[in-house]
N, C-alpha and C. Protein backbone atom coordinates (compact mmCIF):
# COMPACT_ATOMS: atom_id res chain seq x y z
N MET A 1 70.08 127.98 118.07
CA MET A 1 69.94 128.54 116.85
C MET A 1 68.36 129.29 117.25
N ASN A 2 68.15 130.15 116.43
CA ASN A 2 67.23 131.02 116.38
C ASN A 2 66.15 130.27 115.33
N TRP A 3 64.85 130.33 115.36
CA TRP A 3 63.88 129.72 115.10
C TRP A 3 63.68 130.42 112.95
N LYS A 4 63.69 131.05 113.19
CA LYS A 4 63.45 132.45 112.25
C LYS A 4 64.79 132.46 110.76
N LEU A 5 66.32 131.87 111.28
CA LEU A 5 66.86 131.30 110.96
C LEU A 5 67.08 130.07 110.28
N ILE A 6 66.27 129.29 110.83
CA ILE A 6 66.23 127.24 109.96
C ILE A 6 65.03 126.94 109.35
N ILE A 7 64.50 127.91 109.35
CA ILE A 7 62.83 128.68 108.81
C ILE A 7 63.57 128.88 106.95
N ASN A 8 64.48 130.43 107.34
CA ASN A 8 65.13 130.85 106.69
C ASN A 8 65.67 129.63 105.55
N ILE A 9 66.44 129.23 106.01
CA ILE A 9 67.24 127.54 105.88
C ILE A 9 66.04 126.74 105.36
N LEU A 10 65.74 126.65 105.89
CA LEU A 10 64.86 125.38 105.47
C LEU A 10 63.83 125.83 104.21
N GLN A 11 63.79 127.11 104.11
CA GLN A 11 62.54 128.05 102.64
C GLN A 11 63.67 127.99 101.56
N ILE A 12 65.25 128.49 101.69
CA ILE A 12 66.14 128.13 100.25
C ILE A 12 66.14 127.09 100.14
N VAL A 13 66.50 125.56 100.71
CA VAL A 13 66.44 124.60 100.15
C VAL A 13 65.17 124.03 99.86
N VAL A 14 64.24 124.42 100.57
CA VAL A 14 62.68 124.23 99.89
C VAL A 14 62.62 123.94 98.50
N SER A 15 62.83 125.87 97.97
CA SER A 15 63.00 126.70 97.12
C SER A 15 63.92 126.07 96.05
N ALA A 16 64.98 125.88 96.50
CA ALA A 16 66.14 125.40 95.09
C ALA A 16 65.20 123.65 94.67
N LEU A 17 64.64 123.19 96.04
CA LEU A 17 64.18 121.26 95.22
C LEU A 17 63.19 122.14 94.61
N PHE A 18 62.10 122.47 95.02
CA PHE A 18 61.26 123.03 94.02
C PHE A 18 61.09 123.62 92.53
N ILE A 19 62.22 124.69 92.12
CA ILE A 19 62.44 125.25 90.98
C ILE A 19 63.15 123.74 90.64
N GLY A 20 64.06 122.82 91.11
CA GLY A 20 64.65 121.56 89.58
C GLY A 20 63.18 120.82 89.93
N THR A 21 62.45 120.77 90.40
CA THR A 21 61.87 119.60 90.20
C THR A 21 60.56 120.39 88.76
N VAL A 22 60.71 121.70 89.38
CA VAL A 22 59.36 123.01 88.21
C VAL A 22 60.25 122.66 87.34
N LEU A 23 62.20 122.78 86.56
CA LEU A 23 62.68 122.30 85.28
C LEU A 23 62.53 121.30 84.70
N LEU A 24 62.37 120.06 85.46
CA LEU A 24 62.68 119.07 85.15
C LEU A 24 61.48 118.60 83.92
N GLN A 25 60.54 119.12 84.23
CA GLN A 25 58.92 119.14 84.42
C GLN A 25 58.46 119.36 82.39
N ALA A 26 59.36 120.19 82.62
CA ALA A 26 59.21 121.34 81.67
C ALA A 26 59.78 121.42 80.06
N ARG A 27 59.72 119.63 79.77
CA ARG A 27 61.25 119.06 79.18
C ARG A 27 60.49 119.46 77.46
N GLY A 28 59.38 119.33 77.22
CA GLY A 28 58.48 119.59 76.02
C GLY A 28 58.41 120.41 75.77
N SER A 29 58.35 121.90 76.27
CA SER A 29 57.51 122.82 76.21
C SER A 29 58.68 124.05 75.91
N GLY A 30 58.13 124.78 75.08
CA GLY A 30 59.38 126.14 74.64
C GLY A 30 58.42 127.11 74.82
N LEU A 31 59.58 128.05 74.27
CA LEU A 31 58.61 129.21 73.90
C LEU A 31 57.57 129.62 73.00
N GLY A 32 57.18 128.61 72.30
CA GLY A 32 56.72 128.40 71.41
C GLY A 32 54.75 128.25 72.17
N ALA A 33 54.56 127.52 72.90
CA ALA A 33 54.34 126.86 73.52
C ALA A 33 53.62 127.97 74.37
N ALA A 34 53.95 129.14 74.83
CA ALA A 34 53.53 129.94 75.63
C ALA A 34 53.02 130.71 75.26
N TRP A 35 52.77 131.03 73.42
CA TRP A 35 51.93 131.36 72.83
C TRP A 35 51.03 130.91 71.82
N GLY A 36 50.48 130.07 71.79
CA GLY A 36 49.31 129.21 71.92
C GLY A 36 49.97 127.68 70.13
N GLY A 37 51.70 127.91 70.62
CA GLY A 37 51.82 127.45 69.93
C GLY A 37 51.95 126.04 70.17
N ASP A 38 51.73 125.24 70.89
CA ASP A 38 51.65 124.16 71.16
C ASP A 38 50.78 123.11 70.37
N ASN A 39 50.80 121.70 70.71
CA ASN A 39 50.44 120.96 69.70
C ASN A 39 48.59 120.48 70.34
N MET A 40 48.88 120.77 71.67
CA MET A 40 47.75 119.96 72.05
C MET A 40 46.84 119.11 72.11
N ILE A 41 48.61 118.61 72.39
CA ILE A 41 48.35 116.98 72.75
C ILE A 41 48.39 116.62 74.53
N PHE A 42 47.49 115.96 74.82
CA PHE A 42 47.14 115.92 76.30
C PHE A 42 47.73 114.03 76.11
N ARG A 43 48.33 114.31 77.65
CA ARG A 43 48.45 113.09 77.46
C ARG A 43 48.56 112.10 78.99
N THR A 44 48.53 111.05 79.95
CA THR A 44 48.58 110.59 81.29
C THR A 44 50.07 110.98 81.69
N LYS A 45 50.06 110.98 82.54
CA LYS A 45 52.09 111.50 83.49
C LYS A 45 51.92 110.03 84.07
N ARG A 46 53.11 109.55 83.49
CA ARG A 46 53.83 108.09 83.56
C ARG A 46 55.69 108.50 84.66
N GLY A 47 55.45 106.94 85.19
CA GLY A 47 56.72 107.78 85.66
C GLY A 47 57.45 108.04 86.31
N ILE A 48 58.45 108.77 85.68
CA ILE A 48 58.98 109.90 86.88
C ILE A 48 58.51 110.87 86.48
N GLU A 49 57.95 111.38 85.77
CA GLU A 49 57.18 112.31 85.10
C GLU A 49 55.67 112.79 86.30
N LYS A 50 55.04 111.31 86.84
CA LYS A 50 53.89 111.01 87.61
C LYS A 50 54.17 111.93 88.69
N SER A 51 55.23 110.80 89.18
CA SER A 51 56.27 111.33 90.49
C SER A 51 56.89 112.84 90.88
N LEU A 52 57.30 112.87 89.59
CA LEU A 52 58.09 114.78 89.68
C LEU A 52 57.13 115.43 89.60
N HIS A 53 55.70 115.41 89.62
CA HIS A 53 54.33 116.23 89.73
C HIS A 53 53.97 116.35 90.57
N TYR A 54 54.08 115.35 91.65
CA TYR A 54 53.52 114.89 93.25
C TYR A 54 54.57 115.68 93.87
N ILE A 55 55.99 115.33 93.81
CA ILE A 55 56.63 115.75 94.53
C ILE A 55 57.49 117.77 94.23
N SER A 56 56.42 117.77 93.13
CA SER A 56 56.46 119.82 92.84
C SER A 56 55.15 120.05 94.11
N ILE A 57 54.39 119.56 93.96
CA ILE A 57 53.18 119.77 94.88
C ILE A 57 53.93 119.86 96.42
N VAL A 58 53.87 118.57 96.83
CA VAL A 58 54.38 118.75 97.53
C VAL A 58 55.52 119.68 97.99
N LEU A 59 56.28 119.97 97.54
CA LEU A 59 57.66 121.34 98.45
C LEU A 59 56.87 122.04 97.64
N ALA A 60 55.97 122.65 97.32
CA ALA A 60 55.17 123.87 96.70
C ALA A 60 54.50 123.89 98.03
N ILE A 61 53.26 123.15 98.83
CA ILE A 61 53.40 123.20 100.24
C ILE A 61 53.33 122.93 101.40
N ILE A 62 54.97 122.56 101.09
CA ILE A 62 55.89 123.17 102.46
C ILE A 62 56.67 124.00 102.43
N PHE A 63 56.70 124.65 100.70
CA PHE A 63 57.07 125.95 100.73
C PHE A 63 55.95 127.09 101.38
N LEU A 64 55.03 126.91 101.17
CA LEU A 64 53.56 128.00 101.11
C LEU A 64 53.72 127.52 103.28
N GLY A 65 53.88 126.47 103.85
CA GLY A 65 54.07 126.55 104.90
C GLY A 65 54.95 127.07 105.51
N LEU A 66 56.00 127.03 105.16
CA LEU A 66 57.17 128.05 105.82
C LEU A 66 56.84 129.10 105.49
N SER A 67 56.91 129.97 104.30
CA SER A 67 56.06 132.01 104.43
C SER A 67 55.78 131.54 105.60
N LEU A 68 54.33 131.17 105.26
CA LEU A 68 53.61 131.11 106.30
C LEU A 68 53.79 131.30 108.18
N ALA A 69 54.95 130.59 108.86
CA ALA A 69 55.18 130.17 109.37
C ALA A 69 55.78 131.26 109.41
N LEU A 70 57.07 132.24 108.80
CA LEU A 70 58.11 133.60 108.89
C LEU A 70 56.63 134.14 109.32
N ILE A 71 55.85 134.43 108.94
CA ILE A 71 54.85 135.47 108.97
C ILE A 71 54.72 135.22 110.48
N PHE A 72 54.44 134.34 110.98
CA PHE A 72 53.43 134.71 112.28
C PHE A 72 55.02 134.85 113.78
N LEU A 73 56.01 134.34 112.58
CA LEU A 73 57.27 134.84 114.19
C LEU A 73 57.84 136.07 114.78
């Protein structure tokens, strides 16, 4: 198989997973938060919310690496 095809497929899968983790994190923020209507309460992430945060960071780094690999191939 062609390396570019494999990297493209991996990039599609990683991007779908990344979108899913970001959407699962954004449960408490609506359109009002985008315009400054948030109640500005800062709290620590715990449990699954913390895991989703770390997973989304890892997926973003993997996506960046795959994008750079496509540029250099």
